Amino acid sequence: MQPILEHTAEGVPLYMPYGLNVTIPAMLIEHMVFFSFVEAIVTALAFAYIARNSPEIIFDYKPENEKKTDVGKGAATA
């Protein structure tokens, strides 16, 4: 966007000499080839860490000592 916003009186870009028709494909190819794999690895590592240390965040999981029991409920007292 800088060539559109910041340019000289003659229309020459001050910062970025390439237009969007060159810049966007260059960024897309770079991100598809390299950064998509990096992002997948980081996401998998974060998911594994959270699943191991706090599974209740991801899964509907409660440890055995936190599960509710029905012992003593509804018992008649005489």
PDB file of N, CA and C in Angstrom:
ATOM      1  N   MET A   1       0.814  -1.193   0.000  1.00  0.00           N
ATOM      2  CA  MET A   1       0.000   0.000   0.000  1.00  0.00           C
ATOM      3  C   MET A   1       0.863   1.266   0.000  1.00  0.00           C
ATOM      4  N   GLN A   2       2.131   1.129   0.383  1.00  0.00           N
ATOM      5  CA  GLN A   2       2.979   2.312   0.441  1.00  0.00           C
ATOM      6  C   GLN A   2       3.173   2.994  -0.914  1.00  0.00           C
ATOM      7  N   PRO A   3       3.292   2.259  -2.038  1.00  0.00           N
ATOM      8  CA  PRO A   3       3.411   2.978  -3.310  1.00  0.00           C
ATOM      9  C   PRO A   3       2.199   3.859  -3.613  1.00  0.00           C
ATOM     10  N   ILE A   4       1.043   3.455  -3.119  1.00  0.00           N
ATOM     11  CA  ILE A   4      -0.170   4.241  -3.342  1.00  0.00           C
ATOM     12  C   ILE A   4      -0.196   5.460  -2.414  1.00  0.00           C
ATOM     13  N   LEU A   5       0.245   5.260  -1.160  1.00  0.00           N
ATOM     14  CA  LEU A   5       0.153   6.326  -0.170  1.00  0.00           C
ATOM     15  C   LEU A   5       1.334   7.299  -0.202  1.00  0.00           C
ATOM     16  N   GLU A   6       2.552   6.783  -0.311  1.00  0.00           N
ATOM     17  CA  GLU A   6       3.749   7.617  -0.214  1.00  0.00           C
ATOM     18  C   GLU A   6       4.500   7.601  -1.537  1.00  0.00           C
ATOM     19  N   HIS A   7       4.414   8.685  -2.267  1.00  0.00           N
ATOM     20  CA  HIS A   7       5.108   8.789  -3.546  1.00  0.00           C
ATOM     21  C   HIS A   7       5.490  10.245  -3.800  1.00  0.00           C
ATOM     22  N   THR A   8       6.389  10.423  -4.729  1.00  0.00           N
ATOM     23  CA  THR A   8       6.814  11.783  -5.089  1.00  0.00           C
ATOM     24  C   THR A   8       5.753  12.432  -5.975  1.00  0.00           C
ATOM     25  N   ALA A   9       5.994  13.661  -6.315  1.00  0.00           N
ATOM     26  CA  ALA A   9       5.053  14.390  -7.182  1.00  0.00           C
ATOM     27  C   ALA A   9       4.959  13.753  -8.565  1.00  0.00           C
ATOM     28  N   GLU A  10       6.036  13.064  -8.975  1.00  0.00           N
ATOM     29  CA  GLU A  10       6.036  12.387 -10.280  1.00  0.00           C
ATOM     30  C   GLU A  10       5.377  11.013 -10.213  1.00  0.00           C
ATOM     31  N   GLY A  11       5.014  10.551  -9.008  1.00  0.00           N
ATOM     32  CA  GLY A  11       4.369   9.250  -8.866  1.00  0.00           C
ATOM     33  C   GLY A  11       5.322   8.113  -8.570  1.00  0.00           C
ATOM     34  N   VAL A  12       6.613   8.415  -8.339  1.00  0.00           N
ATOM     35  CA  VAL A  12       7.605   7.382  -8.021  1.00  0.00           C
ATOM     36  C   VAL A  12       7.453   7.010  -6.539  1.00  0.00           C
ATOM     37  N   PRO A  13       7.296   5.717  -6.229  1.00  0.00           N
ATOM     38  CA  PRO A  13       7.144   5.308  -4.828  1.00  0.00           C
ATOM     39  C   PRO A  13       8.397   5.633  -4.015  1.00  0.00           C
ATOM     40  N   LEU A  14       8.193   6.052  -2.778  1.00  0.00           N
ATOM     41  CA  LEU A  14       9.310   6.386  -1.907  1.00  0.00           C
ATOM     42  C   LEU A  14       9.901   5.149  -1.233  1.00  0.00           C
ATOM     43  N   TYR A  15       9.081   4.184  -0.885  1.00  0.00           N
ATOM     44  CA  TYR A  15       9.536   3.064  -0.082  1.00  0.00           C
ATOM     45  C   TYR A  15       9.571   1.739  -0.833  1.00  0.00           C
ATOM     46  N   MET A  16       8.512   1.392  -1.464  1.00  0.00           N
ATOM     47  CA  MET A  16       8.357   0.071  -2.076  1.00  0.00           C
ATOM     48  C   MET A  16       8.256   0.235  -3.588  1.00  0.00           C
ATOM     49  N   PRO A  17       9.252  -0.242  -4.335  1.00  0.00           N
ATOM     50  CA  PRO A  17       9.228  -0.010  -5.783  1.00  0.00           C
ATOM     51  C   PRO A  17       8.308  -0.956  -6.552  1.00  0.00           C
ATOM     52  N   TYR A  18       7.758  -1.982  -5.901  1.00  0.00           N
ATOM     53  CA  TYR A  18       6.930  -2.964  -6.602  1.00  0.00           C
ATOM     54  C   TYR A  18       5.460  -2.720  -6.301  1.00  0.00           C
ATOM     55  N   GLY A  19       4.624  -3.011  -7.267  1.00  0.00           N
ATOM     56  CA  GLY A  19       3.184  -2.870  -7.089  1.00  0.00           C
ATOM     57  C   GLY A  19       2.604  -4.096  -6.397  1.00  0.00           C
ATOM     58  N   LEU A  20       1.306  -4.036  -6.145  1.00  0.00           N
ATOM     59  CA  LEU A  20       0.633  -5.150  -5.483  1.00  0.00           C
ATOM     60  C   LEU A  20       0.611  -6.401  -6.360  1.00  0.00           C
ATOM     61  N   ASN A  21       0.671  -6.246  -7.680  1.00  0.00           N
ATOM     62  CA  ASN A  21       0.650  -7.411  -8.572  1.00  0.00           C
ATOM     63  C   ASN A  21       1.936  -8.230  -8.456  1.00  0.00           C
ATOM     64  N   VAL A  22       3.005  -7.660  -7.916  1.00  0.00           N
ATOM     65  CA  VAL A  22       4.249  -8.397  -7.672  1.00  0.00           C
ATOM     66  C   VAL A  22       4.357  -8.784  -6.192  1.00  0.00           C
ATOM     67  N   THR A  23       3.968  -7.897  -5.311  1.00  0.00           N
ATOM     68  CA  THR A  23       4.145  -8.089  -3.875  1.00  0.00           C
ATOM     69  C   THR A  23       3.274  -9.208  -3.324  1.00  0.00           C
ATOM     70  N   ILE A  24       2.001  -9.231  -3.671  1.00  0.00           N
ATOM     71  CA  ILE A  24       1.088 -10.224  -3.103  1.00  0.00           C
ATOM     72  C   ILE A  24       1.456 -11.647  -3.522  1.00  0.00           C
ATOM     73  N   PRO A  25       1.713 -11.942  -4.798  1.00  0.00           N
ATOM     74  CA  PRO A  25       2.137 -13.311  -5.132  1.00  0.00           C
ATOM     75  C   PRO A  25       3.453 -13.711  -4.440  1.00  0.00           C
ATOM     76  N   ALA A  26       4.385 -12.774  -4.308  1.00  0.00           N
ATOM     77  CA  ALA A  26       5.643 -13.089  -3.634  1.00  0.00           C
ATOM     78  C   ALA A  26       5.406 -13.462  -2.170  1.00  0.00           C
ATOM     79  N   MET A  27       4.537 -12.731  -1.492  1.00  0.00           N
ATOM     80  CA  MET A  27       4.244 -13.038  -0.088  1.00  0.00           C
ATOM     81  C   MET A  27       3.466 -14.349   0.035  1.00  0.00           C
ATOM     82  N   LEU A  28       2.523 -14.588  -0.853  1.00  0.00           N
ATOM     83  CA  LEU A  28       1.733 -15.824  -0.789  1.00  0.00           C
ATOM     84  C   LEU A  28       2.596 -17.061  -1.000  1.00  0.00           C
ATOM     85  N   ILE A  29       3.478 -17.009  -1.985  1.00  0.00           N
ATOM     86  CA  ILE A  29       4.339 -18.169  -2.255  1.00  0.00           C
ATOM     87  C   ILE A  29       5.240 -18.438  -1.059  1.00  0.00           C
ATOM     88  N   GLU A  30       5.833 -17.401  -0.507  1.00  0.00           N
ATOM     89  CA  GLU A  30       6.709 -17.556   0.656  1.00  0.00           C
ATOM     90  C   GLU A  30       5.959 -18.156   1.835  1.00  0.00           C
ATOM     91  N   HIS A  31       4.771 -17.673   2.094  1.00  0.00           N
ATOM     92  CA  HIS A  31       4.005 -18.182   3.226  1.00  0.00           C
ATOM     93  C   HIS A  31       3.499 -19.599   2.985  1.00  0.00           C
ATOM     94  N   MET A  32       3.105 -19.915   1.767  1.00  0.00           N
ATOM     95  CA  MET A  32       2.610 -21.268   1.487  1.00  0.00           C
ATOM     96  C   MET A  32       3.730 -22.296   1.538  1.00  0.00           C
ATOM     97  N   VAL A  33       4.912 -21.925   1.082  1.00  0.00           N
ATOM     98  CA  VAL A  33       6.014 -22.880   1.003  1.00  0.00           C
ATOM     99  C   VAL A  33       6.666 -23.095   2.360  1.00  0.00           C
ATOM    100  N   PHE A  34       6.897 -22.056   3.122  1.00  0.00           N
ATOM    101  CA  PHE A  34       7.673 -22.191   4.348  1.00  0.00           C
ATOM    102  C   PHE A  34       6.847 -22.003   5.613  1.00  0.00           C
ATOM    103  N   PHE A  35       6.184 -20.879   5.734  1.00  0.00           N
ATOM    104  CA  PHE A  35       5.563 -20.533   7.006  1.00  0.00           C
ATOM    105  C   PHE A  35       4.353 -21.391   7.346  1.00  0.00           C
ATOM    106  N   SER A  36       3.706 -21.985   6.390  1.00  0.00           N
ATOM    107  CA  SER A  36       2.577 -22.858   6.710  1.00  0.00           C
ATOM    108  C   SER A  36       3.046 -24.072   7.495  1.00  0.00           C
ATOM    109  N   PHE A  37       4.210 -24.615   7.156  1.00  0.00           N
ATOM    110  CA  PHE A  37       4.745 -25.757   7.899  1.00  0.00           C
ATOM    111  C   PHE A  37       5.196 -25.349   9.293  1.00  0.00           C
ATOM    112  N   VAL A  38       5.807 -24.195   9.404  1.00  0.00           N
ATOM    113  CA  VAL A  38       6.238 -23.700  10.715  1.00  0.00           C
ATOM    114  C   VAL A  38       5.020 -23.475  11.607  1.00  0.00           C
ATOM    115  N   GLU A  39       3.985 -22.886  11.066  1.00  0.00           N
ATOM    116  CA  GLU A  39       2.776 -22.641  11.847  1.00  0.00           C
ATOM    117  C   GLU A  39       2.117 -23.951  12.275  1.00  0.00           C
ATOM    118  N   ALA A  40       2.110 -24.949  11.403  1.00  0.00           N
ATOM    119  CA  ALA A  40       1.532 -26.249  11.760  1.00  0.00           C
ATOM    120  C   ALA A  40       2.319 -26.904  12.889  1.00  0.00           C
ATOM    121  N   ILE A  41       3.631 -26.817  12.848  1.00  0.00           N
ATOM    122  CA  ILE A  41       4.461 -27.416  13.897  1.00  0.00           C
ATOM    123  C   ILE A  41       4.248 -26.706  15.231  1.00  0.00           C
ATOM    124  N   VAL A  42       4.230 -25.384  15.211  1.00  0.00           N
ATOM    125  CA  VAL A  42       4.025 -24.623  16.448  1.00  0.00           C
ATOM    126  C   VAL A  42       2.640 -24.916  17.031  1.00  0.00           C
ATOM    127  N   THR A  43       1.621 -24.987  16.185  1.00  0.00           N
ATOM    128  CA  THR A  43       0.269 -25.301  16.657  1.00  0.00           C
ATOM    129  C   THR A  43       0.203 -26.693  17.258  1.00  0.00           C
ATOM    130  N   ALA A  44       0.823 -27.675  16.617  1.00  0.00           N
ATOM    131  CA  ALA A  44       0.824 -29.044  17.144  1.00  0.00           C
ATOM    132  C   ALA A  44       1.552 -29.124  18.479  1.00  0.00           C
ATOM    133  N   LEU A  45       2.669 -28.430  18.601  1.00  0.00           N
ATOM    134  CA  LEU A  45       3.401 -28.435  19.872  1.00  0.00           C
ATOM    135  C   LEU A  45       2.592 -27.770  20.982  1.00  0.00           C
ATOM    136  N   ALA A  46       1.934 -26.671  20.673  1.00  0.00           N
ATOM    137  CA  ALA A  46       1.103 -25.990  21.670  1.00  0.00           C
ATOM    138  C   ALA A  46      -0.073 -26.875  22.079  1.00  0.00           C
ATOM    139  N   PHE A  47      -0.705 -27.523  21.120  1.00  0.00           N
ATOM    140  CA  PHE A  47      -1.821 -28.422  21.423  1.00  0.00           C
ATOM    141  C   PHE A  47      -1.360 -29.581  22.308  1.00  0.00           C
ATOM    142  N   ALA A  48      -0.218 -30.184  21.981  1.00  0.00           N
ATOM    143  CA  ALA A  48       0.309 -31.292  22.772  1.00  0.00           C
ATOM    144  C   ALA A  48       0.644 -30.849  24.190  1.00  0.00           C
ATOM    145  N   TYR A  49       1.226 -29.679  24.337  1.00  0.00           N
ATOM    146  CA  TYR A  49       1.572 -29.167  25.662  1.00  0.00           C
ATOM    147  C   TYR A  49       0.320 -28.946  26.506  1.00  0.00           C
ATOM    148  N   ILE A  50      -0.693 -28.305  25.926  1.00  0.00           N
ATOM    149  CA  ILE A  50      -1.924 -28.041  26.669  1.00  0.00           C
ATOM    150  C   ILE A  50      -2.657 -29.343  26.975  1.00  0.00           C
ATOM    151  N   ALA A  51      -2.693 -30.265  26.030  1.00  0.00           N
ATOM    152  CA  ALA A  51      -3.368 -31.547  26.250  1.00  0.00           C
ATOM    153  C   ALA A  51      -2.694 -32.339  27.363  1.00  0.00           C
ATOM    154  N   ARG A  52      -1.393 -32.218  27.481  1.00  0.00           N
ATOM    155  CA  ARG A  52      -0.668 -32.955  28.511  1.00  0.00           C
ATOM    156  C   ARG A  52      -0.810 -32.290  29.878  1.00  0.00           C
ATOM    157  N   ASN A  53      -0.760 -30.971  29.941  1.00  0.00           N
ATOM    158  CA  ASN A  53      -0.723 -30.278  31.225  1.00  0.00           C
ATOM    159  C   ASN A  53      -2.079 -29.803  31.733  1.00  0.00           C
ATOM    160  N   SER A  54      -3.004 -29.498  30.849  1.00  0.00           N
ATOM    161  CA  SER A  54      -4.338 -29.038  31.247  1.00  0.00           C
ATOM    162  C   SER A  54      -5.375 -29.590  30.275  1.00  0.00           C
ATOM    163  N   PRO A  55      -5.630 -30.891  30.300  1.00  0.00           N
ATOM    164  CA  PRO A  55      -6.547 -31.481  29.315  1.00  0.00           C
ATOM    165  C   PRO A  55      -7.981 -30.974  29.425  1.00  0.00           C
ATOM    166  N   GLU A  56      -8.361 -30.430  30.578  1.00  0.00           N
ATOM    167  CA  GLU A  56      -9.737 -29.940  30.718  1.00  0.00           C
ATOM    168  C   GLU A  56      -9.991 -28.718  29.841  1.00  0.00           C
ATOM    169  N   ILE A  57      -8.950 -28.040  29.390  1.00  0.00           N
ATOM    170  CA  ILE A  57      -9.122 -26.901  28.500  1.00  0.00           C
ATOM    171  C   ILE A  57      -9.603 -27.371  27.122  1.00  0.00           C
ATOM    172  N   ILE A  58      -9.087 -28.490  26.657  1.00  0.00           N
ATOM    173  CA  ILE A  58      -9.384 -28.977  25.309  1.00  0.00           C
ATOM    174  C   ILE A  58     -10.495 -30.019  25.328  1.00  0.00           C
ATOM    175  N   PHE A  59     -10.392 -30.963  26.248  1.00  0.00           N
ATOM    176  CA  PHE A  59     -11.324 -32.090  26.298  1.00  0.00           C
ATOM    177  C   PHE A  59     -12.284 -31.918  27.461  1.00  0.00           C
ATOM    178  N   ASP A  60     -13.397 -32.619  27.400  1.00  0.00           N
ATOM    179  CA  ASP A  60     -14.322 -32.660  28.527  1.00  0.00           C
ATOM    180  C   ASP A  60     -13.809 -33.740  29.474  1.00  0.00           C
ATOM    181  N   TYR A  61     -12.801 -33.389  30.237  1.00  0.00           N
ATOM    182  CA  TYR A  61     -12.073 -34.371  31.031  1.00  0.00           C
ATOM    183  C   TYR A  61     -11.939 -33.867  32.453  1.00  0.00           C
ATOM    184  N   LYS A  62     -12.195 -34.760  33.409  1.00  0.00           N
ATOM    185  CA  LYS A  62     -11.949 -34.459  34.810  1.00  0.00           C
ATOM    186  C   LYS A  62     -11.196 -35.647  35.401  1.00  0.00           C
ATOM    187  N   PRO A  63     -10.169 -35.374  36.181  1.00  0.00           N
ATOM    188  CA  PRO A  63      -9.439 -36.471  36.808  1.00  0.00           C
ATOM    189  C   PRO A  63     -10.339 -37.286  37.724  1.00  0.00           C
ATOM    190  N   GLU A  64      -9.940 -38.502  38.036  1.00  0.00           N
ATOM    191  CA  GLU A  64     -10.741 -39.414  38.851  1.00  0.00           C
ATOM    192  C   GLU A  64     -11.082 -38.816  40.210  1.00  0.00           C
ATOM    193  N   ASN A  65     -10.166 -38.101  40.810  1.00  0.00           N
ATOM    194  CA  ASN A  65     -10.427 -37.561  42.149  1.00  0.00           C
ATOM    195  C   ASN A  65     -11.378 -36.361  42.134  1.00  0.00           C
ATOM    196  N   GLU A  66     -11.722 -35.828  40.977  1.00  0.00           N
ATOM    197  CA  GLU A  66     -12.646 -34.702  40.896  1.00  0.00           C
ATOM    198  C   GLU A  66     -14.029 -35.103  40.399  1.00  0.00           C
ATOM    199  N   LYS A  67     -14.206 -36.358  40.015  1.00  0.00           N
ATOM    200  CA  LYS A  67     -15.514 -36.793  39.527  1.00  0.00           C
ATOM    201  C   LYS A  67     -16.504 -36.865  40.684  1.00  0.00           C
ATOM    202  N   LYS A  68     -17.729 -36.459  40.401  1.00  0.00           N
ATOM    203  CA  LYS A  68     -18.769 -36.480  41.422  1.00  0.00           C
ATOM    204  C   LYS A  68     -19.287 -37.907  41.597  1.00  0.00           C
ATOM    205  N   THR A  69     -19.591 -38.228  42.810  1.00  0.00           N
ATOM    206  CA  THR A  69     -20.182 -39.545  43.095  1.00  0.00           C
ATOM    207  C   THR A  69     -21.550 -39.322  43.704  1.00  0.00           C
ATOM    208  N   ASP A  70     -22.383 -40.327  43.597  1.00  0.00           N
ATOM    209  CA  ASP A  70     -23.742 -40.234  44.135  1.00  0.00           C
ATOM    210  C   ASP A  70     -23.841 -40.855  45.523  1.00  0.00           C
ATOM    211  N   VAL A  71     -22.745 -41.131  46.153  1.00  0.00           N
ATOM    212  CA  VAL A  71     -22.751 -41.756  47.463  1.00  0.00           C
ATOM    213  C   VAL A  71     -23.351 -40.779  48.471  1.00  0.00           C
ATOM    214  N   GLY A  72     -24.365 -41.245  49.202  1.00  0.00           N
ATOM    215  CA  GLY A  72     -24.970 -40.447  50.235  1.00  0.00           C
ATOM    216  C   GLY A  72     -26.089 -39.548  49.757  1.00  0.00           C
ATOM    217  N   LYS A  73     -26.290 -39.436  48.455  1.00  0.00           N
ATOM    218  CA  LYS A  73     -27.364 -38.589  47.976  1.00  0.00           C
ATOM    219  C   LYS A  73     -28.670 -39.359  48.006  1.00  0.00           C
ATOM    220  N   GLY A  74     -29.678 -38.732  48.480  1.00  0.00           N
ATOM    221  CA  GLY A  74     -31.004 -39.317  48.462  1.00  0.00           C
ATOM    222  C   GLY A  74     -31.211 -40.399  49.538  1.00  0.00           C
ATOM    223  N   ALA A  75     -30.259 -40.554  50.388  1.00  0.00           N
ATOM    224  CA  ALA A  75     -30.405 -41.554  51.451  1.00  0.00           C
ATOM    225  C   ALA A  75     -31.377 -41.022  52.500  1.00  0.00           C
ATOM    226  N   ALA A  76     -32.272 -41.872  52.905  1.00  0.00           N
ATOM    227  CA  ALA A  76     -33.269 -41.477  53.907  1.00  0.00           C
ATOM    228  C   ALA A  76     -32.629 -41.507  55.282  1.00  0.00           C
ATOM    229  N   THR A  77     -32.923 -40.499  56.062  1.00  0.00           N
ATOM    230  CA  THR A  77     -32.418 -40.465  57.423  1.00  0.00           C
ATOM    231  C   THR A  77     -33.584 -40.724  58.353  1.00  0.00           C
ATOM    232  N   ALA A  78     -33.395 -41.668  59.245  1.00  0.00           N
ATOM    233  CA  ALA A  78     -34.492 -42.023  60.136  1.00  0.00           C
ATOM    234  C   ALA A  78     -34.104 -41.908  61.570  1.00  0.00           C
TER     235      ALA A  78
END
